[in-house]
Amino acid sequence: MLRSLNLLAKRSYSTSTSPYFVARTSNNGLPVYTDFKNGGTQHLTIIRRIEGDAEALKNDIVSLFPDAPKNFARVNPVNNHVILKGIHMNEIKQWLIEKGF
C-alpha cells in the first residue's frame, strides 16, 4: 500500500516539461500493448493514450534503441498512437515509469 502511494505521489508531482503526456488506464496501468498481425509473423508494440506531441515521444523512444532500423517506429496521426516493430513492452513501460508517467 505504501509503495503504491509513493509511486502515485511521484507521478502527481512530476515536473516534466516534455511536450507529451501518457495517461494511465482506468485501473492505473500504463497503456503499452503488444499486437500480433499477419498470422502472428508481425510483432508490434503500441503505446496509446498519448496527449500532446506523439512525434516527440517517438523520437525519444527511437533514441533508446540506437541499433534499430530507420522504420522502427511510426506515429498513427489519426489516433495519436506510437507503433514500434517488435516486442518491447517491458522496456517501454520501465522507461515511462522512470520518466514519471
PDB file of N, CA and C in Angstrom:
ATOM      1  N   MET A   1       0.826  -1.186   0.000  1.00  0.00           N
ATOM      2  CA  MET A   1       0.000   0.000   0.000  1.00  0.00           C
ATOM      3  C   MET A   1       0.869   1.247   0.000  1.00  0.00           C
ATOM      4  N   LEU A   2       1.872   1.275   0.862  1.00  0.00           N
ATOM      5  CA  LEU A   2       2.737   2.444   0.954  1.00  0.00           C
ATOM      6  C   LEU A   2       3.515   2.657  -0.340  1.00  0.00           C
ATOM      7  N   ARG A   3       3.950   1.566  -0.954  1.00  0.00           N
ATOM      8  CA  ARG A   3       4.691   1.672  -2.206  1.00  0.00           C
ATOM      9  C   ARG A   3       3.829   2.295  -3.296  1.00  0.00           C
ATOM     10  N   SER A   4       2.568   1.885  -3.380  1.00  0.00           N
ATOM     11  CA  SER A   4       1.692   2.422  -4.414  1.00  0.00           C
ATOM     12  C   SER A   4       1.398   3.901  -4.169  1.00  0.00           C
ATOM     13  N   LEU A   5       1.260   4.299  -2.912  1.00  0.00           N
ATOM     14  CA  LEU A   5       1.049   5.721  -2.616  1.00  0.00           C
ATOM     15  C   LEU A   5       2.288   6.534  -2.959  1.00  0.00           C
ATOM     16  N   ASN A   6       3.454   5.955  -2.703  1.00  0.00           N
ATOM     17  CA  ASN A   6       4.701   6.643  -3.014  1.00  0.00           C
ATOM     18  C   ASN A   6       4.845   6.838  -4.520  1.00  0.00           C
ATOM     19  N   LEU A   7       4.507   5.807  -5.323  1.00  0.00           N
ATOM     20  CA  LEU A   7       4.572   5.932  -6.776  1.00  0.00           C
ATOM     21  C   LEU A   7       3.556   6.945  -7.286  1.00  0.00           C
ATOM     22  N   LEU A   8       2.371   6.965  -6.676  1.00  0.00           N
ATOM     23  CA  LEU A   8       1.344   7.913  -7.080  1.00  0.00           C
ATOM     24  C   LEU A   8       1.793   9.341  -6.786  1.00  0.00           C
ATOM     25  N   ALA A   9       2.416   9.558  -5.642  1.00  0.00           N
ATOM     26  CA  ALA A   9       2.910  10.892  -5.310  1.00  0.00           C
ATOM     27  C   ALA A   9       4.023  11.303  -6.270  1.00  0.00           C
ATOM     28  N   LYS A  10       4.856  10.364  -6.640  1.00  0.00           N
ATOM     29  CA  LYS A  10       5.943  10.660  -7.578  1.00  0.00           C
ATOM     30  C   LYS A  10       5.386  11.082  -8.938  1.00  0.00           C
ATOM     31  N   ARG A  11       4.320  10.396  -9.379  1.00  0.00           N
ATOM     32  CA  ARG A  11       3.710  10.732 -10.663  1.00  0.00           C
ATOM     33  C   ARG A  11       2.962  12.057 -10.596  1.00  0.00           C
ATOM     34  N   SER A  12       2.283  12.315  -9.487  1.00  0.00           N
ATOM     35  CA  SER A  12       1.474  13.520  -9.378  1.00  0.00           C
ATOM     36  C   SER A  12       2.319  14.780  -9.365  1.00  0.00           C
ATOM     37  N   TYR A  13       3.476  14.716  -8.769  1.00  0.00           N
ATOM     38  CA  TYR A  13       4.308  15.898  -8.633  1.00  0.00           C
ATOM     39  C   TYR A  13       5.443  15.928  -9.645  1.00  0.00           C
ATOM     40  N   SER A  14       5.327  15.163 -10.700  1.00  0.00           N
ATOM     41  CA  SER A  14       6.333  15.158 -11.747  1.00  0.00           C
ATOM     42  C   SER A  14       6.327  16.520 -12.451  1.00  0.00           C
ATOM     43  N   THR A  15       7.473  17.166 -12.495  1.00  0.00           N
ATOM     44  CA  THR A  15       7.571  18.493 -13.108  1.00  0.00           C
ATOM     45  C   THR A  15       8.215  18.389 -14.482  1.00  0.00           C
ATOM     46  N   SER A  16       7.826  17.394 -15.197  1.00  0.00           N
ATOM     47  CA  SER A  16       8.372  17.180 -16.528  1.00  0.00           C
ATOM     48  C   SER A  16       7.857  18.258 -17.478  1.00  0.00           C
ATOM     49  N   THR A  17       8.747  18.784 -18.301  1.00  0.00           N
ATOM     50  CA  THR A  17       8.353  19.798 -19.279  1.00  0.00           C
ATOM     51  C   THR A  17       8.318  19.206 -20.676  1.00  0.00           C
ATOM     52  N   SER A  18       8.059  17.913 -20.760  1.00  0.00           N
ATOM     53  CA  SER A  18       8.018  17.267 -22.066  1.00  0.00           C
ATOM     54  C   SER A  18       6.742  17.676 -22.808  1.00  0.00           C
ATOM     55  N   PRO A  19       6.794  17.682 -24.139  1.00  0.00           N
ATOM     56  CA  PRO A  19       5.631  18.112 -24.926  1.00  0.00           C
ATOM     57  C   PRO A  19       4.549  17.044 -25.061  1.00  0.00           C
ATOM     58  N   TYR A  20       4.664  15.952 -24.327  1.00  0.00           N
ATOM     59  CA  TYR A  20       3.676  14.877 -24.401  1.00  0.00           C
ATOM     60  C   TYR A  20       3.400  14.350 -23.008  1.00  0.00           C
ATOM     61  N   PHE A  21       2.268  13.672 -22.881  1.00  0.00           N
ATOM     62  CA  PHE A  21       1.881  13.043 -21.628  1.00  0.00           C
ATOM     63  C   PHE A  21       1.218  11.714 -21.963  1.00  0.00           C
ATOM     64  N   VAL A  22       1.587  10.652 -21.246  1.00  0.00           N
ATOM     65  CA  VAL A  22       0.978   9.341 -21.436  1.00  0.00           C
ATOM     66  C   VAL A  22       0.074   9.091 -20.232  1.00  0.00           C
ATOM     67  N   ALA A  23      -1.235   9.146 -20.466  1.00  0.00           N
ATOM     68  CA  ALA A  23      -2.212   8.969 -19.394  1.00  0.00           C
ATOM     69  C   ALA A  23      -2.320   7.496 -19.018  1.00  0.00           C
ATOM     70  N   ARG A  24      -2.579   7.230 -17.754  1.00  0.00           N
ATOM     71  CA  ARG A  24      -2.764   5.861 -17.284  1.00  0.00           C
ATOM     72  C   ARG A  24      -4.161   5.361 -17.638  1.00  0.00           C
ATOM     73  N   THR A  25      -4.330   4.048 -17.603  1.00  0.00           N
ATOM     74  CA  THR A  25      -5.637   3.451 -17.875  1.00  0.00           C
ATOM     75  C   THR A  25      -6.513   3.567 -16.633  1.00  0.00           C
ATOM     76  N   SER A  26      -7.755   3.130 -16.738  1.00  0.00           N
ATOM     77  CA  SER A  26      -8.693   3.258 -15.623  1.00  0.00           C
ATOM     78  C   SER A  26      -8.275   2.433 -14.405  1.00  0.00           C
ATOM     79  N   ASN A  27      -7.564   1.333 -14.609  1.00  0.00           N
ATOM     80  CA  ASN A  27      -7.071   0.561 -13.468  1.00  0.00           C
ATOM     81  C   ASN A  27      -5.587   0.829 -13.216  1.00  0.00           C
ATOM     82  N   ASN A  28      -5.149   2.049 -13.539  1.00  0.00           N
ATOM     83  CA  ASN A  28      -3.842   2.593 -13.172  1.00  0.00           C
ATOM     84  C   ASN A  28      -2.663   1.885 -13.822  1.00  0.00           C
ATOM     85  N   GLY A  29      -2.843   1.308 -15.000  1.00  0.00           N
ATOM     86  CA  GLY A  29      -1.747   0.681 -15.724  1.00  0.00           C
ATOM     87  C   GLY A  29      -1.254   1.590 -16.842  1.00  0.00           C
ATOM     88  N   LEU A  30      -0.097   1.295 -17.352  1.00  0.00           N
ATOM     89  CA  LEU A  30       0.425   2.049 -18.487  1.00  0.00           C
ATOM     90  C   LEU A  30      -0.165   1.494 -19.784  1.00  0.00           C
ATOM     91  N   PRO A  31      -0.547   2.348 -20.711  1.00  0.00           N
ATOM     92  CA  PRO A  31      -1.211   1.897 -21.944  1.00  0.00           C
ATOM     93  C   PRO A  31      -0.225   1.432 -23.016  1.00  0.00           C
ATOM     94  N   VAL A  32       0.560   0.430 -22.698  1.00  0.00           N
ATOM     95  CA  VAL A  32       1.534  -0.139 -23.629  1.00  0.00           C
ATOM     96  C   VAL A  32       1.105  -1.585 -23.886  1.00  0.00           C
ATOM     97  N   TYR A  33       0.886  -1.916 -25.162  1.00  0.00           N
ATOM     98  CA  TYR A  33       0.327  -3.211 -25.521  1.00  0.00           C
ATOM     99  C   TYR A  33       1.150  -3.857 -26.635  1.00  0.00           C
ATOM    100  N   THR A  34       1.071  -5.189 -26.703  1.00  0.00           N
ATOM    101  CA  THR A  34       1.669  -5.906 -27.822  1.00  0.00           C
ATOM    102  C   THR A  34       0.552  -6.341 -28.754  1.00  0.00           C
ATOM    103  N   ASP A  35       0.877  -6.441 -30.029  1.00  0.00           N
ATOM    104  CA  ASP A  35      -0.098  -6.856 -31.033  1.00  0.00           C
ATOM    105  C   ASP A  35       0.603  -7.782 -32.013  1.00  0.00           C
ATOM    106  N   PHE A  36      -0.087  -8.814 -32.437  1.00  0.00           N
ATOM    107  CA  PHE A  36       0.446  -9.763 -33.401  1.00  0.00           C
ATOM    108  C   PHE A  36      -0.428  -9.708 -34.642  1.00  0.00           C
ATOM    109  N   LYS A  37       0.179  -9.404 -35.774  1.00  0.00           N
ATOM    110  CA  LYS A  37      -0.567  -9.282 -37.026  1.00  0.00           C
ATOM    111  C   LYS A  37       0.023 -10.219 -38.061  1.00  0.00           C
ATOM    112  N   ASN A  38      -0.652 -10.313 -39.179  1.00  0.00           N
ATOM    113  CA  ASN A  38      -0.177 -11.087 -40.324  1.00  0.00           C
ATOM    114  C   ASN A  38       0.046 -12.556 -39.953  1.00  0.00           C
ATOM    115  N   GLY A  39      -0.915 -13.146 -39.289  1.00  0.00           N
ATOM    116  CA  GLY A  39      -0.806 -14.556 -38.929  1.00  0.00           C
ATOM    117  C   GLY A  39       0.204 -14.820 -37.833  1.00  0.00           C
ATOM    118  N   GLY A  40       0.518 -13.835 -37.032  1.00  0.00           N
ATOM    119  CA  GLY A  40       1.472 -13.991 -35.939  1.00  0.00           C
ATOM    120  C   GLY A  40       2.912 -13.774 -36.336  1.00  0.00           C
ATOM    121  N   THR A  41       3.178 -13.336 -37.568  1.00  0.00           N
ATOM    122  CA  THR A  41       4.551 -13.122 -38.001  1.00  0.00           C
ATOM    123  C   THR A  41       5.025 -11.690 -37.796  1.00  0.00           C
ATOM    124  N   GLN A  42       4.105 -10.758 -37.605  1.00  0.00           N
ATOM    125  CA  GLN A  42       4.478  -9.362 -37.382  1.00  0.00           C
ATOM    126  C   GLN A  42       4.159  -9.010 -35.928  1.00  0.00           C
ATOM    127  N   HIS A  43       5.192  -8.661 -35.163  1.00  0.00           N
ATOM    128  CA  HIS A  43       5.056  -8.341 -33.748  1.00  0.00           C
ATOM    129  C   HIS A  43       5.163  -6.826 -33.589  1.00  0.00           C
ATOM    130  N   LEU A  44       4.196  -6.231 -32.891  1.00  0.00           N
ATOM    131  CA  LEU A  44       4.169  -4.787 -32.712  1.00  0.00           C
ATOM    132  C   LEU A  44       3.981  -4.446 -31.244  1.00  0.00           C
ATOM    133  N   THR A  45       4.527  -3.303 -30.838  1.00  0.00           N
ATOM    134  CA  THR A  45       4.274  -2.718 -29.533  1.00  0.00           C
ATOM    135  C   THR A  45       3.566  -1.396 -29.782  1.00  0.00           C
ATOM    136  N   ILE A  46       2.433  -1.179 -29.112  1.00  0.00           N
ATOM    137  CA  ILE A  46       1.618   0.010 -29.342  1.00  0.00           C
ATOM    138  C   ILE A  46       1.507   0.797 -28.042  1.00  0.00           C
ATOM    139  N   ILE A  47       1.764   2.089 -28.130  1.00  0.00           N
ATOM    140  CA  ILE A  47       1.611   2.999 -26.993  1.00  0.00           C
ATOM    141  C   ILE A  47       0.396   3.865 -27.280  1.00  0.00           C
ATOM    142  N   ARG A  48      -0.582   3.811 -26.404  1.00  0.00           N
ATOM    143  CA  ARG A  48      -1.837   4.535 -26.590  1.00  0.00           C
ATOM    144  C   ARG A  48      -1.957   5.648 -25.551  1.00  0.00           C
ATOM    145  N   ARG A  49      -3.059   6.380 -25.619  1.00  0.00           N
ATOM    146  CA  ARG A  49      -3.416   7.433 -24.662  1.00  0.00           C
ATOM    147  C   ARG A  49      -2.343   8.510 -24.553  1.00  0.00           C
ATOM    148  N   ILE A  50      -1.819   8.936 -25.675  1.00  0.00           N
ATOM    149  CA  ILE A  50      -0.794   9.978 -25.712  1.00  0.00           C
ATOM    150  C   ILE A  50      -1.481  11.318 -25.898  1.00  0.00           C
ATOM    151  N   GLU A  51      -1.185  12.239 -25.011  1.00  0.00           N
ATOM    152  CA  GLU A  51      -1.704  13.599 -25.118  1.00  0.00           C
ATOM    153  C   GLU A  51      -0.537  14.506 -25.470  1.00  0.00           C
ATOM    154  N   GLY A  52      -0.695  15.299 -26.503  1.00  0.00           N
ATOM    155  CA  GLY A  52       0.367  16.200 -26.911  1.00  0.00           C
ATOM    156  C   GLY A  52       1.091  15.691 -28.146  1.00  0.00           C
ATOM    157  N   ASP A  53       2.388  15.919 -28.190  1.00  0.00           N
ATOM    158  CA  ASP A  53       3.204  15.655 -29.373  1.00  0.00           C
ATOM    159  C   ASP A  53       3.687  14.200 -29.394  1.00  0.00           C
ATOM    160  N   ALA A  54       2.984  13.351 -30.114  1.00  0.00           N
ATOM    161  CA  ALA A  54       3.363  11.938 -30.211  1.00  0.00           C
ATOM    162  C   ALA A  54       4.656  11.767 -31.003  1.00  0.00           C
ATOM    163  N   GLU A  55       4.935  12.684 -31.906  1.00  0.00           N
ATOM    164  CA  GLU A  55       6.181  12.612 -32.688  1.00  0.00           C
ATOM    165  C   GLU A  55       7.402  12.788 -31.779  1.00  0.00           C
ATOM    166  N   ALA A  56       7.297  13.658 -30.777  1.00  0.00           N
ATOM    167  CA  ALA A  56       8.396  13.848 -29.819  1.00  0.00           C
ATOM    168  C   ALA A  56       8.598  12.590 -28.978  1.00  0.00           C
ATOM    169  N   LEU A  57       7.497  11.928 -28.589  1.00  0.00           N
ATOM    170  CA  LEU A  57       7.605  10.670 -27.859  1.00  0.00           C
ATOM    171  C   LEU A  57       8.285   9.615 -28.718  1.00  0.00           C
ATOM    172  N   LYS A  58       7.909   9.539 -29.989  1.00  0.00           N
ATOM    173  CA  LYS A  58       8.526   8.576 -30.900  1.00  0.00           C
ATOM    174  C   LYS A  58      10.028   8.825 -31.009  1.00  0.00           C
ATOM    175  N   ASN A  59      10.427  10.083 -31.121  1.00  0.00           N
ATOM    176  CA  ASN A  59      11.851  10.407 -31.230  1.00  0.00           C
ATOM    177  C   ASN A  59      12.608  10.043 -29.954  1.00  0.00           C
ATOM    178  N   ASP A  60      12.000  10.248 -28.788  1.00  0.00           N
ATOM    179  CA  ASP A  60      12.640   9.857 -27.531  1.00  0.00           C
ATOM    180  C   ASP A  60      12.788   8.342 -27.445  1.00  0.00           C
ATOM    181  N   ILE A  61      11.787   7.610 -27.907  1.00  0.00           N
ATOM    182  CA  ILE A  61      11.849   6.147 -27.858  1.00  0.00           C
ATOM    183  C   ILE A  61      12.881   5.613 -28.845  1.00  0.00           C
ATOM    184  N   VAL A  62      12.963   6.216 -30.019  1.00  0.00           N
ATOM    185  CA  VAL A  62      13.950   5.771 -31.012  1.00  0.00           C
ATOM    186  C   VAL A  62      15.363   5.966 -30.475  1.00  0.00           C
ATOM    187  N   SER A  63      15.583   7.000 -29.671  1.00  0.00           N
ATOM    188  CA  SER A  63      16.915   7.222 -29.097  1.00  0.00           C
ATOM    189  C   SER A  63      17.282   6.142 -28.082  1.00  0.00           C
ATOM    190  N   LEU A  64      16.291   5.424 -27.542  1.00  0.00           N
ATOM    191  CA  LEU A  64      16.572   4.314 -26.618  1.00  0.00           C
ATOM    192  C   LEU A  64      17.137   3.099 -27.342  1.00  0.00           C
ATOM    193  N   PHE A  65      16.805   2.960 -28.622  1.00  0.00           N
ATOM    194  CA  PHE A  65      17.222   1.811 -29.422  1.00  0.00           C
ATOM    195  C   PHE A  65      18.109   2.301 -30.571  1.00  0.00           C
ATOM    196  N   PRO A  66      19.388   2.572 -30.321  1.00  0.00           N
ATOM    197  CA  PRO A  66      20.246   3.144 -31.370  1.00  0.00           C
ATOM    198  C   PRO A  66      20.526   2.192 -32.530  1.00  0.00           C
ATOM    199  N   ASP A  67      20.420   0.888 -32.320  1.00  0.00           N
ATOM    200  CA  ASP A  67      20.705  -0.075 -33.380  1.00  0.00           C
ATOM    201  C   ASP A  67      19.478  -0.405 -34.229  1.00  0.00           C
ATOM    202  N   ALA A  68      18.352   0.226 -33.934  1.00  0.00           N
ATOM    203  CA  ALA A  68      17.110  -0.076 -34.643  1.00  0.00           C
ATOM    204  C   ALA A  68      17.143   0.494 -36.060  1.00  0.00           C
ATOM    205  N   PRO A  69      16.451  -0.143 -36.988  1.00  0.00           N
ATOM    206  CA  PRO A  69      16.391   0.378 -38.358  1.00  0.00           C
ATOM    207  C   PRO A  69      15.612   1.696 -38.426  1.00  0.00           C
ATOM    208  N   LYS A  70      15.676   2.332 -39.581  1.00  0.00           N
ATOM    209  CA  LYS A  70      15.066   3.649 -39.754  1.00  0.00           C
ATOM    210  C   LYS A  70      13.547   3.617 -39.570  1.00  0.00           C
ATOM    211  N   ASN A  71      12.883   2.572 -40.034  1.00  0.00           N
ATOM    212  CA  ASN A  71      11.427   2.479 -39.952  1.00  0.00           C
ATOM    213  C   ASN A  71      10.971   1.683 -38.726  1.00  0.00           C
ATOM    214  N   PHE A  72      11.704   1.753 -37.644  1.00  0.00           N
ATOM    215  CA  PHE A  72      11.421   1.017 -36.417  1.00  0.00           C
ATOM    216  C   PHE A  72      10.144   1.513 -35.738  1.00  0.00           C
ATOM    217  N   ALA A  73       9.910   2.823 -35.770  1.00  0.00           N
ATOM    218  CA  ALA A  73       8.757   3.397 -35.074  1.00  0.00           C
ATOM    219  C   ALA A  73       8.024   4.344 -36.003  1.00  0.00           C
ATOM    220  N   ARG A  74       6.713   4.436 -35.769  1.00  0.00           N
ATOM    221  CA  ARG A  74       5.905   5.377 -36.538  1.00  0.00           C
ATOM    222  C   ARG A  74       4.765   5.869 -35.664  1.00  0.00           C
ATOM    223  N   VAL A  75       4.183   6.989 -36.069  1.00  0.00           N
ATOM    224  CA  VAL A  75       3.049   7.566 -35.354  1.00  0.00           C
ATOM    225  C   VAL A  75       1.824   7.444 -36.239  1.00  0.00           C
ATOM    226  N   ASN A  76       0.732   6.939 -35.679  1.00  0.00           N
ATOM    227  CA  ASN A  76      -0.537   6.922 -36.380  1.00  0.00           C
ATOM    228  C   ASN A  76      -1.207   8.273 -36.111  1.00  0.00           C
ATOM    229  N   PRO A  77      -1.280   9.158 -37.102  1.00  0.00           N
ATOM    230  CA  PRO A  77      -1.796  10.506 -36.845  1.00  0.00           C
ATOM    231  C   PRO A  77      -3.291  10.562 -36.558  1.00  0.00           C
ATOM    232  N   VAL A  78      -4.036   9.536 -36.911  1.00  0.00           N
ATOM    233  CA  VAL A  78      -5.479   9.550 -36.691  1.00  0.00           C
ATOM    234  C   VAL A  78      -5.805   9.415 -35.204  1.00  0.00           C
ATOM    235  N   ASN A  79      -5.173   8.441 -34.542  1.00  0.00           N
ATOM    236  CA  ASN A  79      -5.484   8.204 -33.134  1.00  0.00           C
ATOM    237  C   ASN A  79      -4.321   8.518 -32.193  1.00  0.00           C
ATOM    238  N   ASN A  80      -3.219   9.070 -32.712  1.00  0.00           N
ATOM    239  CA  ASN A  80      -2.070   9.515 -31.910  1.00  0.00           C
ATOM    240  C   ASN A  80      -1.408   8.366 -31.158  1.00  0.00           C
ATOM    241  N   HIS A  81      -1.318   7.187 -31.784  1.00  0.00           N
ATOM    242  CA  HIS A  81      -0.624   6.047 -31.201  1.00  0.00           C
ATOM    243  C   HIS A  81       0.791   5.975 -31.771  1.00  0.00           C
ATOM    244  N   VAL A  82       1.735   5.520 -30.941  1.00  0.00           N
ATOM    245  CA  VAL A  82       3.092   5.236 -31.410  1.00  0.00           C
ATOM    246  C   VAL A  82       3.186   3.726 -31.576  1.00  0.00           C
ATOM    247  N   ILE A  83       3.618   3.284 -32.754  1.00  0.00           N
ATOM    248  CA  ILE A  83       3.694   1.862 -33.075  1.00  0.00           C
ATOM    249  C   ILE A  83       5.155   1.505 -33.332  1.00  0.00           C
ATOM    250  N   LEU A  84       5.659   0.511 -32.598  1.00  0.00           N
ATOM    251  CA  LEU A  84       7.045   0.059 -32.711  1.00  0.00           C
ATOM    252  C   LEU A  84       7.065  -1.352 -33.265  1.00  0.00           C
ATOM    253  N   LYS A  85       8.046  -1.656 -34.071  1.00  0.00           N
ATOM    254  CA  LYS A  85       8.221  -3.023 -34.564  1.00  0.00           C
ATOM    255  C   LYS A  85       8.928  -3.839 -33.494  1.00  0.00           C
ATOM    256  N   GLY A  86       8.396  -5.015 -33.220  1.00  0.00           N
ATOM    257  CA  GLY A  86       8.988  -5.899 -32.220  1.00  0.00           C
ATOM    258  C   GLY A  86       8.244  -5.827 -30.901  1.00  0.00           C
ATOM    259  N   ILE A  87       8.626  -6.694 -29.981  1.00  0.00           N
ATOM    260  CA  ILE A  87       8.017  -6.731 -28.656  1.00  0.00           C
ATOM    261  C   ILE A  87       8.962  -6.022 -27.686  1.00  0.00           C
ATOM    262  N   HIS A  88       8.568  -4.828 -27.283  1.00  0.00           N
ATOM    263  CA  HIS A  88       9.377  -4.007 -26.385  1.00  0.00           C
ATOM    264  C   HIS A  88       8.549  -3.486 -25.220  1.00  0.00           C
ATOM    265  N   MET A  89       7.495  -4.203 -24.859  1.00  0.00           N
ATOM    266  CA  MET A  89       6.552  -3.714 -23.863  1.00  0.00           C
ATOM    267  C   MET A  89       7.216  -3.459 -22.512  1.00  0.00           C
ATOM    268  N   ASN A  90       8.007  -4.387 -22.023  1.00  0.00           N
ATOM    269  CA  ASN A  90       8.624  -4.226 -20.708  1.00  0.00           C
ATOM    270  C   ASN A  90       9.619  -3.072 -20.685  1.00  0.00           C
ATOM    271  N   GLU A  91      10.422  -2.919 -21.738  1.00  0.00           N
ATOM    272  CA  GLU A  91      11.389  -1.829 -21.793  1.00  0.00           C
ATOM    273  C   GLU A  91      10.697  -0.470 -21.826  1.00  0.00           C
ATOM    274  N   ILE A  92       9.623  -0.361 -22.610  1.00  0.00           N
ATOM    275  CA  ILE A  92       8.906   0.903 -22.734  1.00  0.00           C
ATOM    276  C   ILE A  92       8.206   1.237 -21.427  1.00  0.00           C
ATOM    277  N   LYS A  93       7.581   0.262 -20.785  1.00  0.00           N
ATOM    278  CA  LYS A  93       6.919   0.520 -19.506  1.00  0.00           C
ATOM    279  C   LYS A  93       7.921   0.975 -18.451  1.00  0.00           C
ATOM    280  N   GLN A  94       9.059   0.317 -18.381  1.00  0.00           N
ATOM    281  CA  GLN A  94      10.091   0.706 -17.414  1.00  0.00           C
ATOM    282  C   GLN A  94      10.588   2.121 -17.693  1.00  0.00           C
ATOM    283  N   TRP A  95      10.787   2.458 -18.953  1.00  0.00           N
ATOM    284  CA  TRP A  95      11.241   3.797 -19.323  1.00  0.00           C
ATOM    285  C   TRP A  95      10.202   4.853 -18.963  1.00  0.00           C
ATOM    286  N   LEU A  96       8.918   4.569 -19.196  1.00  0.00           N
ATOM    287  CA  LEU A  96       7.863   5.516 -18.854  1.00  0.00           C
ATOM    288  C   LEU A  96       7.764   5.721 -17.347  1.00  0.00           C
ATOM    289  N   ILE A  97       7.940   4.659 -16.584  1.00  0.00           N
ATOM    290  CA  ILE A  97       7.925   4.780 -15.118  1.00  0.00           C
ATOM    291  C   ILE A  97       9.094   5.637 -14.648  1.00  0.00           C
ATOM    292  N   GLU A  98      10.279   5.420 -15.238  1.00  0.00           N
ATOM    293  CA  GLU A  98      11.441   6.231 -14.865  1.00  0.00           C
ATOM    294  C   GLU A  98      11.256   7.701 -15.210  1.00  0.00           C
ATOM    295  N   LYS A  99      10.492   7.981 -16.258  1.00  0.00           N
ATOM    296  CA  LYS A  99      10.217   9.370 -16.636  1.00  0.00           C
ATOM    297  C   LYS A  99       9.117  10.003 -15.792  1.00  0.00           C
ATOM    298  N   GLY A 100       8.431   9.219 -14.994  1.00  0.00           N
ATOM    299  CA  GLY A 100       7.426   9.760 -14.083  1.00  0.00           C
ATOM    300  C   GLY A 100       6.000   9.664 -14.560  1.00  0.00           C
ATOM    301  N   PHE A 101       5.736   8.854 -15.574  1.00  0.00           N
ATOM    302  CA  PHE A 101       4.359   8.696 -16.056  1.00  0.00           C
ATOM    303  C   PHE A 101       3.705   7.641 -15.274  1.00  0.00           C
TER     304      PHE A 101
END
